[in-house]
């Protein structure tokens, strides 16, 4: 196994607690883990190599963890990054105007041939967000945009997940898939043409489907431990994908950044300031994030 870097997250949140609980539960070799942020060895079962960062400025601390992890990835010294939650507000207060950790990693690990995509994974349920942290009024889709995202995701599923011919389900942007233009024409003008071009390149993808009906079917399969019909669901915007996913499997689902030089995973929970320091944070998401990073790296 190659070395995985784990960032300890926001100094005021639950990151340190869930990292300690996860590492103690998994009992991984010290040779395979690097901790970036705050030293946690006083609470860990094994002494892990640590790169410590000055925590006096919380936002800068959060940013520097990702910058250092990215530098190590670019140097080939780590094979994956697992990130504990950080606060976007803390980043902004310290002058770092990013909409999330994914966008910071995109800056340091991406180029014209490698761009970050946000996928949420729990067992064989995978949901990719076509657009990420945007105000709903700013969600804009184009044919080329959809095609690029799907082709990049298709490559990941083949190369990293071992799926020979991935099956995609595309969520429509509008209710009821637009009702033939009555409730919006993005499906007719943008989504259907993109689907036809992808099919011409032998990519298995549905036409735009009504998201509520699609996720009802997906949820039933998930709750009954049945194999999903699709290898990846393509959500048009953030809450379209994440509301059903977090309702189904909030504690287990892993936020996974694909498309960059290495894999990044993270629990789907936030900083949880309200319970930080109380010792009651559930580490399940962090455990799953570390296990998935091992599997995909």
C-alpha atoms as a PDB file:
ATOM      1  CA  UNK A   1       0.000   0.000   0.000  1.00  0.00           C
ATOM      2  CA  UNK A   2       1.235   3.508  -0.812  1.00  0.00           C
ATOM      3  CA  UNK A   3       1.256   6.340   1.712  1.00  0.00           C
ATOM      4  CA  UNK A   4      -1.966   8.258   2.335  1.00  0.00           C
ATOM      5  CA  UNK A   5      -1.963  11.803   3.704  1.00  0.00           C
ATOM      6  CA  UNK A   6      -4.707  12.691   6.189  1.00  0.00           C
ATOM      7  CA  UNK A   7      -5.443  16.334   6.993  1.00  0.00           C
ATOM      8  CA  UNK A   8      -6.829  16.965  10.472  1.00  0.00           C
ATOM      9  CA  UNK A   9      -9.367  19.612   9.434  1.00  0.00           C
ATOM     10  CA  UNK A  10     -10.749  22.760  10.997  1.00  0.00           C
ATOM     11  CA  UNK A  11      -9.214  23.428  14.425  1.00  0.00           C
ATOM     12  CA  UNK A  12     -12.645  24.191  15.904  1.00  0.00           C
ATOM     13  CA  UNK A  13     -14.458  21.217  14.391  1.00  0.00           C
ATOM     14  CA  UNK A  14     -14.630  17.448  14.808  1.00  0.00           C
ATOM     15  CA  UNK A  15     -11.794  16.653  12.388  1.00  0.00           C
ATOM     16  CA  UNK A  16      -9.213  15.707  14.985  1.00  0.00           C
ATOM     17  CA  UNK A  17     -11.662  13.541  16.911  1.00  0.00           C
ATOM     18  CA  UNK A  18     -12.910  11.541  13.937  1.00  0.00           C
ATOM     19  CA  UNK A  19      -9.357  11.135  12.604  1.00  0.00           C
ATOM     20  CA  UNK A  20      -8.187   9.684  15.922  1.00  0.00           C
ATOM     21  CA  UNK A  21     -11.190   7.381  16.216  1.00  0.00           C
ATOM     22  CA  UNK A  22     -10.871   6.207  12.605  1.00  0.00           C
ATOM     23  CA  UNK A  23      -7.144   5.480  12.768  1.00  0.00           C
ATOM     24  CA  UNK A  24      -7.472   3.644  16.069  1.00  0.00           C
ATOM     25  CA  UNK A  25     -10.324   1.562  14.662  1.00  0.00           C
ATOM     26  CA  UNK A  26      -8.469   0.707  11.456  1.00  0.00           C
ATOM     27  CA  UNK A  27      -5.106   0.103  13.169  1.00  0.00           C
ATOM     28  CA  UNK A  28      -3.104   0.877  10.012  1.00  0.00           C
ATOM     29  CA  UNK A  29       0.650   0.610   9.714  1.00  0.00           C
ATOM     30  CA  UNK A  30       2.522   3.801  10.564  1.00  0.00           C
ATOM     31  CA  UNK A  31       4.448   3.365   7.306  1.00  0.00           C
ATOM     32  CA  UNK A  32       1.296   3.983   5.267  1.00  0.00           C
ATOM     33  CA  UNK A  33      -0.092   7.117   6.902  1.00  0.00           C
ATOM     34  CA  UNK A  34       1.075  10.735   7.049  1.00  0.00           C
ATOM     35  CA  UNK A  35      -0.860  13.223   9.176  1.00  0.00           C
ATOM     36  CA  UNK A  36      -0.879  16.873   8.130  1.00  0.00           C
ATOM     37  CA  UNK A  37      -2.089  19.567  10.522  1.00  0.00           C
ATOM     38  CA  UNK A  38      -1.933  18.904  14.256  1.00  0.00           C
ATOM     39  CA  UNK A  39      -0.067  16.086  15.955  1.00  0.00           C
ATOM     40  CA  UNK A  40      -2.541  13.530  17.275  1.00  0.00           C
ATOM     41  CA  UNK A  41      -0.052  10.930  18.462  1.00  0.00           C
ATOM     42  CA  UNK A  42      -0.869  11.377  22.144  1.00  0.00           C
ATOM     43  CA  UNK A  43      -4.321   9.946  21.367  1.00  0.00           C
ATOM     44  CA  UNK A  44      -3.378   7.350  18.748  1.00  0.00           C
ATOM     45  CA  UNK A  45      -2.554   3.669  19.127  1.00  0.00           C
ATOM     46  CA  UNK A  46       0.500   4.043  16.895  1.00  0.00           C
ATOM     47  CA  UNK A  47       2.955   6.900  16.265  1.00  0.00           C
ATOM     48  CA  UNK A  48       2.278   8.349  12.816  1.00  0.00           C
ATOM     49  CA  UNK A  49       4.581  10.684  10.928  1.00  0.00           C
ATOM     50  CA  UNK A  50       3.166  14.192  11.195  1.00  0.00           C
ATOM     51  CA  UNK A  51       3.729  17.516   9.472  1.00  0.00           C
ATOM     52  CA  UNK A  52       2.592  20.138  11.968  1.00  0.00           C
ATOM     53  CA  UNK A  53       1.194  23.531  10.963  1.00  0.00           C
ATOM     54  CA  UNK A  54       0.730  26.633  13.098  1.00  0.00           C
ATOM     55  CA  UNK A  55      -2.979  26.568  14.093  1.00  0.00           C
ATOM     56  CA  UNK A  56      -3.212  30.205  15.254  1.00  0.00           C
ATOM     57  CA  UNK A  57      -5.042  31.281  12.081  1.00  0.00           C
ATOM     58  CA  UNK A  58      -7.740  28.679  11.450  1.00  0.00           C
ATOM     59  CA  UNK A  59      -8.402  29.578   7.813  1.00  0.00           C
ATOM     60  CA  UNK A  60      -4.716  29.659   6.913  1.00  0.00           C
ATOM     61  CA  UNK A  61      -4.245  26.367   8.759  1.00  0.00           C
ATOM     62  CA  UNK A  62      -6.989  24.752   6.646  1.00  0.00           C
ATOM     63  CA  UNK A  63      -5.494  26.112   3.436  1.00  0.00           C
ATOM     64  CA  UNK A  64      -1.883  25.174   4.222  1.00  0.00           C
ATOM     65  CA  UNK A  65      -2.818  21.549   4.958  1.00  0.00           C
ATOM     66  CA  UNK A  66      -4.170  21.154   1.431  1.00  0.00           C
ATOM     67  CA  UNK A  67      -1.285  23.056  -0.133  1.00  0.00           C
ATOM     68  CA  UNK A  68       1.282  20.813   1.567  1.00  0.00           C
ATOM     69  CA  UNK A  69      -0.642  17.647   0.693  1.00  0.00           C
ATOM     70  CA  UNK A  70      -0.817  18.772  -2.925  1.00  0.00           C
ATOM     71  CA  UNK A  71       2.918  19.446  -3.037  1.00  0.00           C
ATOM     72  CA  UNK A  72       3.628  15.954  -1.725  1.00  0.00           C
ATOM     73  CA  UNK A  73       1.269  14.484  -4.324  1.00  0.00           C
ATOM     74  CA  UNK A  74       2.991  16.402  -7.121  1.00  0.00           C
ATOM     75  CA  UNK A  75       6.317  15.029  -5.875  1.00  0.00           C
ATOM     76  CA  UNK A  76       4.958  11.475  -5.929  1.00  0.00           C
ATOM     77  CA  UNK A  77       5.352  11.026  -2.167  1.00  0.00           C
ATOM     78  CA  UNK A  78       1.711  10.192  -1.403  1.00  0.00           C
ATOM     79  CA  UNK A  79      -0.884   8.225  -3.344  1.00  0.00           C
ATOM     80  CA  UNK A  80      -4.095   9.724  -1.920  1.00  0.00           C
ATOM     81  CA  UNK A  81      -5.390  12.487   0.337  1.00  0.00           C
ATOM     82  CA  UNK A  82      -8.081  12.096   2.990  1.00  0.00           C
ATOM     83  CA  UNK A  83      -9.419  15.394   4.283  1.00  0.00           C
ATOM     84  CA  UNK A  84     -11.263  16.068   7.525  1.00  0.00           C
ATOM     85  CA  UNK A  85     -13.918  18.812   7.239  1.00  0.00           C
ATOM     86  CA  UNK A  86     -13.044  22.504   7.085  1.00  0.00           C
ATOM     87  CA  UNK A  87     -15.143  25.660   7.223  1.00  0.00           C
ATOM     88  CA  UNK A  88     -15.571  27.676   4.037  1.00  0.00           C
ATOM     89  CA  UNK A  89     -16.299  30.683   6.227  1.00  0.00           C
ATOM     90  CA  UNK A  90     -12.972  30.257   8.031  1.00  0.00           C
ATOM     91  CA  UNK A  91     -11.157  30.100   4.696  1.00  0.00           C
ATOM     92  CA  UNK A  92     -12.902  33.250   3.479  1.00  0.00           C
ATOM     93  CA  UNK A  93     -12.187  35.149   6.691  1.00  0.00           C
ATOM     94  CA  UNK A  94      -8.495  34.444   6.220  1.00  0.00           C
ATOM     95  CA  UNK A  95      -8.573  35.687   2.634  1.00  0.00           C
ATOM     96  CA  UNK A  96      -8.857  32.381   0.763  1.00  0.00           C
ATOM     97  CA  UNK A  97     -11.813  32.836  -1.573  1.00  0.00           C
ATOM     98  CA  UNK A  98     -12.545  29.236  -2.498  1.00  0.00           C
ATOM     99  CA  UNK A  99     -15.925  27.530  -2.439  1.00  0.00           C
ATOM    100  CA  UNK A 100     -14.493  24.365  -0.898  1.00  0.00           C
ATOM    101  CA  UNK A 101     -11.572  21.984  -0.503  1.00  0.00           C
ATOM    102  CA  UNK A 102     -12.213  20.508  -3.941  1.00  0.00           C
ATOM    103  CA  UNK A 103     -11.541  23.864  -5.591  1.00  0.00           C
ATOM    104  CA  UNK A 104      -8.280  24.328  -3.669  1.00  0.00           C
ATOM    105  CA  UNK A 105      -7.093  20.889  -4.744  1.00  0.00           C
ATOM    106  CA  UNK A 106      -8.076  21.706  -8.325  1.00  0.00           C
ATOM    107  CA  UNK A 107      -5.743  24.702  -8.240  1.00  0.00           C
ATOM    108  CA  UNK A 108      -2.740  22.768  -6.960  1.00  0.00           C
ATOM    109  CA  UNK A 109      -3.287  19.328  -8.525  1.00  0.00           C
ATOM    110  CA  UNK A 110      -5.133  20.125 -11.737  1.00  0.00           C
ATOM    111  CA  UNK A 111      -4.158  21.222 -15.226  1.00  0.00           C
ATOM    112  CA  UNK A 112      -5.816  21.293 -18.647  1.00  0.00           C
ATOM    113  CA  UNK A 113      -5.797  17.490 -18.712  1.00  0.00           C
ATOM    114  CA  UNK A 114      -6.831  16.865 -15.100  1.00  0.00           C
ATOM    115  CA  UNK A 115      -9.800  18.625 -13.542  1.00  0.00           C
ATOM    116  CA  UNK A 116     -11.552  17.950 -10.263  1.00  0.00           C
ATOM    117  CA  UNK A 117     -14.918  16.216 -10.238  1.00  0.00           C
ATOM    118  CA  UNK A 118     -16.979  15.618  -7.091  1.00  0.00           C
ATOM    119  CA  UNK A 119     -18.419  12.130  -6.683  1.00  0.00           C
ATOM    120  CA  UNK A 120     -20.206  10.663  -3.659  1.00  0.00           C
ATOM    121  CA  UNK A 121     -19.739   6.929  -3.108  1.00  0.00           C
ATOM    122  CA  UNK A 122     -21.378   4.399  -0.806  1.00  0.00           C
ATOM    123  CA  UNK A 123     -21.067   0.750  -1.815  1.00  0.00           C
ATOM    124  CA  UNK A 124     -22.111   0.614  -5.507  1.00  0.00           C
ATOM    125  CA  UNK A 125     -24.056   3.891  -5.324  1.00  0.00           C
ATOM    126  CA  UNK A 126     -22.092   6.657  -7.038  1.00  0.00           C
ATOM    127  CA  UNK A 127     -23.419  10.156  -7.633  1.00  0.00           C
ATOM    128  CA  UNK A 128     -21.420  12.720  -9.590  1.00  0.00           C
ATOM    129  CA  UNK A 129     -22.241  16.426  -9.371  1.00  0.00           C
ATOM    130  CA  UNK A 130     -22.113  18.083 -12.785  1.00  0.00           C
ATOM    131  CA  UNK A 131     -21.966  21.446 -10.992  1.00  0.00           C
ATOM    132  CA  UNK A 132     -20.729  21.903  -7.433  1.00  0.00           C
ATOM    133  CA  UNK A 133     -20.819  24.840  -5.032  1.00  0.00           C
ATOM    134  CA  UNK A 134     -22.868  27.347  -6.978  1.00  0.00           C
ATOM    135  CA  UNK A 135     -25.920  29.435  -6.260  1.00  0.00           C
ATOM    136  CA  UNK A 136     -28.843  27.784  -8.028  1.00  0.00           C
ATOM    137  CA  UNK A 137     -29.279  30.840 -10.284  1.00  0.00           C
ATOM    138  CA  UNK A 138     -25.704  30.317 -11.530  1.00  0.00           C
ATOM    139  CA  UNK A 139     -26.137  26.693 -12.613  1.00  0.00           C
ATOM    140  CA  UNK A 140     -25.519  26.685 -16.367  1.00  0.00           C
ATOM    141  CA  UNK A 141     -25.130  23.588 -18.529  1.00  0.00           C
ATOM    142  CA  UNK A 142     -23.855  23.248 -22.086  1.00  0.00           C
ATOM    143  CA  UNK A 143     -23.459  20.274 -24.394  1.00  0.00           C
ATOM    144  CA  UNK A 144     -19.672  20.412 -24.231  1.00  0.00           C
ATOM    145  CA  UNK A 145     -19.700  20.792 -20.466  1.00  0.00           C
ATOM    146  CA  UNK A 146     -21.798  17.647 -19.980  1.00  0.00           C
ATOM    147  CA  UNK A 147     -19.806  15.651 -22.513  1.00  0.00           C
ATOM    148  CA  UNK A 148     -16.478  16.566 -20.909  1.00  0.00           C
ATOM    149  CA  UNK A 149     -17.692  15.667 -17.414  1.00  0.00           C
ATOM    150  CA  UNK A 150     -19.152  12.324 -18.478  1.00  0.00           C
ATOM    151  CA  UNK A 151     -16.088  11.295 -20.461  1.00  0.00           C
ATOM    152  CA  UNK A 152     -13.815  12.107 -17.520  1.00  0.00           C
ATOM    153  CA  UNK A 153     -16.032  10.119 -15.169  1.00  0.00           C
ATOM    154  CA  UNK A 154     -16.240   7.230 -17.617  1.00  0.00           C
ATOM    155  CA  UNK A 155     -12.434   7.057 -17.640  1.00  0.00           C
ATOM    156  CA  UNK A 156     -12.319   6.960 -13.832  1.00  0.00           C
ATOM    157  CA  UNK A 157     -14.897   4.163 -13.595  1.00  0.00           C
ATOM    158  CA  UNK A 158     -13.013   2.063 -16.123  1.00  0.00           C
ATOM    159  CA  UNK A 159      -9.498   2.654 -14.812  1.00  0.00           C
ATOM    160  CA  UNK A 160     -10.049   2.888 -11.054  1.00  0.00           C
ATOM    161  CA  UNK A 161     -13.236   0.901 -10.448  1.00  0.00           C
ATOM    162  CA  UNK A 162     -12.682  -1.841 -13.021  1.00  0.00           C
ATOM    163  CA  UNK A 163     -16.046  -1.333 -14.731  1.00  0.00           C
ATOM    164  CA  UNK A 164     -15.664  -2.269 -18.407  1.00  0.00           C
ATOM    165  CA  UNK A 165     -18.693  -0.413 -19.772  1.00  0.00           C
ATOM    166  CA  UNK A 166     -20.081   2.009 -17.188  1.00  0.00           C
ATOM    167  CA  UNK A 167     -23.809   2.760 -17.203  1.00  0.00           C
ATOM    168  CA  UNK A 168     -24.826   6.364 -16.513  1.00  0.00           C
ATOM    169  CA  UNK A 169     -28.183   7.810 -15.498  1.00  0.00           C
ATOM    170  CA  UNK A 170     -28.542  11.521 -16.255  1.00  0.00           C
ATOM    171  CA  UNK A 171     -30.783  13.643 -14.012  1.00  0.00           C
ATOM    172  CA  UNK A 172     -32.834  16.222 -15.857  1.00  0.00           C
ATOM    173  CA  UNK A 173     -32.357  19.822 -14.770  1.00  0.00           C
ATOM    174  CA  UNK A 174     -36.070  20.642 -14.625  1.00  0.00           C
ATOM    175  CA  UNK A 175     -38.993  18.935 -12.847  1.00  0.00           C
ATOM    176  CA  UNK A 176     -40.438  16.018 -14.828  1.00  0.00           C
ATOM    177  CA  UNK A 177     -37.549  16.371 -17.301  1.00  0.00           C
ATOM    178  CA  UNK A 178     -39.069  19.608 -18.546  1.00  0.00           C
ATOM    179  CA  UNK A 179     -42.389  18.096 -19.715  1.00  0.00           C
ATOM    180  CA  UNK A 180     -41.368  18.465 -23.387  1.00  0.00           C
ATOM    181  CA  UNK A 181     -40.447  22.114 -22.906  1.00  0.00           C
ATOM    182  CA  UNK A 182     -43.392  23.173 -20.742  1.00  0.00           C
ATOM    183  CA  UNK A 183     -41.254  23.413 -17.578  1.00  0.00           C
ATOM    184  CA  UNK A 184     -37.974  24.362 -19.241  1.00  0.00           C
ATOM    185  CA  UNK A 185     -36.162  23.582 -22.475  1.00  0.00           C
ATOM    186  CA  UNK A 186     -32.641  22.691 -21.238  1.00  0.00           C
ATOM    187  CA  UNK A 187     -33.395  18.995 -21.703  1.00  0.00           C
ATOM    188  CA  UNK A 188     -34.413  19.501 -25.343  1.00  0.00           C
ATOM    189  CA  UNK A 189     -31.734  22.025 -26.309  1.00  0.00           C
ATOM    190  CA  UNK A 190     -28.754  20.826 -24.255  1.00  0.00           C
ATOM    191  CA  UNK A 191     -29.124  17.462 -22.554  1.00  0.00           C
ATOM    192  CA  UNK A 192     -30.601  15.313 -25.312  1.00  0.00           C
ATOM    193  CA  UNK A 193     -27.993  16.469 -27.880  1.00  0.00           C
ATOM    194  CA  UNK A 194     -25.179  15.791 -25.382  1.00  0.00           C
ATOM    195  CA  UNK A 195     -26.534  12.303 -24.741  1.00  0.00           C
ATOM    196  CA  UNK A 196     -26.651  11.532 -28.480  1.00  0.00           C
ATOM    197  CA  UNK A 197     -23.031  12.606 -28.922  1.00  0.00           C
ATOM    198  CA  UNK A 198     -21.929  10.508 -25.954  1.00  0.00           C
ATOM    199  CA  UNK A 199     -23.792   7.483 -27.282  1.00  0.00           C
ATOM    200  CA  UNK A 200     -22.007   7.972 -30.608  1.00  0.00           C
ATOM    201  CA  UNK A 201     -18.774   7.461 -28.654  1.00  0.00           C
ATOM    202  CA  UNK A 202     -20.134   4.209 -27.181  1.00  0.00           C
ATOM    203  CA  UNK A 203     -20.858   5.650 -23.747  1.00  0.00           C
ATOM    204  CA  UNK A 204     -23.892   4.033 -22.118  1.00  0.00           C
ATOM    205  CA  UNK A 205     -26.070   6.866 -20.828  1.00  0.00           C
ATOM    206  CA  UNK A 206     -29.793   7.426 -20.385  1.00  0.00           C
ATOM    207  CA  UNK A 207     -31.702  10.415 -21.712  1.00  0.00           C
ATOM    208  CA  UNK A 208     -32.390  13.036 -19.012  1.00  0.00           C
ATOM    209  CA  UNK A 209     -34.629  11.423 -16.393  1.00  0.00           C
ATOM    210  CA  UNK A 210     -36.889  13.035 -13.832  1.00  0.00           C
ATOM    211  CA  UNK A 211     -34.641  13.201 -10.754  1.00  0.00           C
ATOM    212  CA  UNK A 212     -37.332  12.435  -8.170  1.00  0.00           C
ATOM    213  CA  UNK A 213     -38.398   9.223  -9.866  1.00  0.00           C
ATOM    214  CA  UNK A 214     -34.811   8.179 -10.541  1.00  0.00           C
ATOM    215  CA  UNK A 215     -33.702   8.639  -6.942  1.00  0.00           C
ATOM    216  CA  UNK A 216     -36.819   6.886  -5.650  1.00  0.00           C
ATOM    217  CA  UNK A 217     -35.720   3.831  -7.627  1.00  0.00           C
ATOM    218  CA  UNK A 218     -32.071   4.233  -6.576  1.00  0.00           C
ATOM    219  CA  UNK A 219     -33.057   4.603  -2.926  1.00  0.00           C
ATOM    220  CA  UNK A 220     -35.217   1.488  -2.958  1.00  0.00           C
ATOM    221  CA  UNK A 221     -32.317  -0.536  -4.372  1.00  0.00           C
ATOM    222  CA  UNK A 222     -29.899   0.869  -1.803  1.00  0.00           C
ATOM    223  CA  UNK A 223     -32.136   0.265   1.217  1.00  0.00           C
ATOM    224  CA  UNK A 224     -32.854  -3.300   0.103  1.00  0.00           C
ATOM    225  CA  UNK A 225     -29.138  -4.026  -0.495  1.00  0.00           C
ATOM    226  CA  UNK A 226     -29.821  -4.692  -4.177  1.00  0.00           C
ATOM    227  CA  UNK A 227     -27.351  -3.989  -6.943  1.00  0.00           C
ATOM    228  CA  UNK A 228     -27.813  -0.598  -8.543  1.00  0.00           C
ATOM    229  CA  UNK A 229     -28.933  -0.476 -12.175  1.00  0.00           C
ATOM    230  CA  UNK A 230     -26.467   2.323 -12.928  1.00  0.00           C
ATOM    231  CA  UNK A 231     -22.775   2.669 -12.174  1.00  0.00           C
ATOM    232  CA  UNK A 232     -23.100   6.431 -11.745  1.00  0.00           C
ATOM    233  CA  UNK A 233     -25.928   8.932 -11.357  1.00  0.00           C
ATOM    234  CA  UNK A 234     -25.199  12.359 -12.880  1.00  0.00           C
ATOM    235  CA  UNK A 235     -26.841  15.125 -10.837  1.00  0.00           C
ATOM    236  CA  UNK A 236     -27.233  18.509 -12.506  1.00  0.00           C
ATOM    237  CA  UNK A 237     -26.602  20.522  -9.359  1.00  0.00           C
ATOM    238  CA  UNK A 238     -25.492  20.152  -5.737  1.00  0.00           C
ATOM    239  CA  UNK A 239     -28.706  19.589  -3.798  1.00  0.00           C
ATOM    240  CA  UNK A 240     -30.334  17.518  -6.535  1.00  0.00           C
ATOM    241  CA  UNK A 241     -27.743  14.832  -5.871  1.00  0.00           C
ATOM    242  CA  UNK A 242     -26.856  15.351  -2.244  1.00  0.00           C
ATOM    243  CA  UNK A 243     -30.288  15.630  -0.628  1.00  0.00           C
ATOM    244  CA  UNK A 244     -31.249  12.049  -1.554  1.00  0.00           C
ATOM    245  CA  UNK A 245     -27.744  10.664  -1.015  1.00  0.00           C
ATOM    246  CA  UNK A 246     -27.385  12.120   2.471  1.00  0.00           C
ATOM    247  CA  UNK A 247     -30.904  11.032   3.369  1.00  0.00           C
ATOM    248  CA  UNK A 248     -29.965   7.481   2.368  1.00  0.00           C
ATOM    249  CA  UNK A 249     -26.460   7.110   3.750  1.00  0.00           C
ATOM    250  CA  UNK A 250     -25.158  10.270   5.408  1.00  0.00           C
ATOM    251  CA  UNK A 251     -22.775   8.498   7.795  1.00  0.00           C
ATOM    252  CA  UNK A 252     -21.358   6.101   5.208  1.00  0.00           C
ATOM    253  CA  UNK A 253     -21.125   8.104   1.993  1.00  0.00           C
ATOM    254  CA  UNK A 254     -17.685   9.367   0.976  1.00  0.00           C
ATOM    255  CA  UNK A 255     -17.046  12.631  -0.823  1.00  0.00           C
ATOM    256  CA  UNK A 256     -14.525  11.630  -3.497  1.00  0.00           C
ATOM    257  CA  UNK A 257     -12.571  13.984  -5.723  1.00  0.00           C
ATOM    258  CA  UNK A 258     -11.691  12.298  -9.001  1.00  0.00           C
ATOM    259  CA  UNK A 259     -10.002  13.557 -12.151  1.00  0.00           C
ATOM    260  CA  UNK A 260      -6.853  14.919 -10.473  1.00  0.00           C
ATOM    261  CA  UNK A 261      -3.390  13.380 -10.217  1.00  0.00           C
ATOM    262  CA  UNK A 262      -4.411  11.415  -7.115  1.00  0.00           C
ATOM    263  CA  UNK A 263      -7.647  10.517  -5.353  1.00  0.00           C
ATOM    264  CA  UNK A 264      -8.991  12.626  -2.504  1.00  0.00           C
ATOM    265  CA  UNK A 265     -11.673  11.348  -0.158  1.00  0.00           C
ATOM    266  CA  UNK A 266     -13.510  12.941   2.758  1.00  0.00           C
ATOM    267  CA  UNK A 267     -16.453  12.167   5.041  1.00  0.00           C
ATOM    268  CA  UNK A 268     -19.598  13.929   3.894  1.00  0.00           C
ATOM    269  CA  UNK A 269     -20.173  15.552   7.291  1.00  0.00           C
ATOM    270  CA  UNK A 270     -19.223  19.139   8.014  1.00  0.00           C
ATOM    271  CA  UNK A 271     -17.204  20.662  10.848  1.00  0.00           C
ATOM    272  CA  UNK A 272     -20.044  20.099  13.356  1.00  0.00           C
ATOM    273  CA  UNK A 273     -18.975  22.928  15.644  1.00  0.00           C
ATOM    274  CA  UNK A 274     -21.952  22.219  17.896  1.00  0.00           C
ATOM    275  CA  UNK A 275     -20.578  18.858  19.034  1.00  0.00           C
ATOM    276  CA  UNK A 276     -16.840  19.509  18.700  1.00  0.00           C
ATOM    277  CA  UNK A 277     -14.882  18.638  21.812  1.00  0.00           C
ATOM    278  CA  UNK A 278     -17.671  16.561  23.332  1.00  0.00           C
ATOM    279  CA  UNK A 279     -16.263  13.198  22.263  1.00  0.00           C
ATOM    280  CA  UNK A 280     -19.492  12.098  20.574  1.00  0.00           C
ATOM    281  CA  UNK A 281     -18.624  12.564  16.876  1.00  0.00           C
ATOM    282  CA  UNK A 282     -19.291   9.471  14.761  1.00  0.00           C
ATOM    283  CA  UNK A 283     -16.116   8.400  12.879  1.00  0.00           C
ATOM    284  CA  UNK A 284     -17.917   6.098  10.426  1.00  0.00           C
ATOM    285  CA  UNK A 285     -17.597   8.515   7.505  1.00  0.00           C
ATOM    286  CA  UNK A 286     -13.887   9.034   8.165  1.00  0.00           C
ATOM    287  CA  UNK A 287     -13.326   5.298   8.395  1.00  0.00           C
ATOM    288  CA  UNK A 288     -15.051   4.797   5.041  1.00  0.00           C
ATOM    289  CA  UNK A 289     -13.072   7.691   3.520  1.00  0.00           C
ATOM    290  CA  UNK A 290      -9.742   6.147   4.544  1.00  0.00           C
ATOM    291  CA  UNK A 291     -10.788   2.688   3.341  1.00  0.00           C
ATOM    292  CA  UNK A 292     -11.912   4.068  -0.036  1.00  0.00           C
ATOM    293  CA  UNK A 293      -8.654   6.021  -0.421  1.00  0.00           C
ATOM    294  CA  UNK A 294      -6.774   2.775   0.138  1.00  0.00           C
ATOM    295  CA  UNK A 295      -8.932   0.965  -2.400  1.00  0.00           C
ATOM    296  CA  UNK A 296      -8.649   3.578  -5.162  1.00  0.00           C
ATOM    297  CA  UNK A 297      -5.018   4.630  -4.768  1.00  0.00           C
END
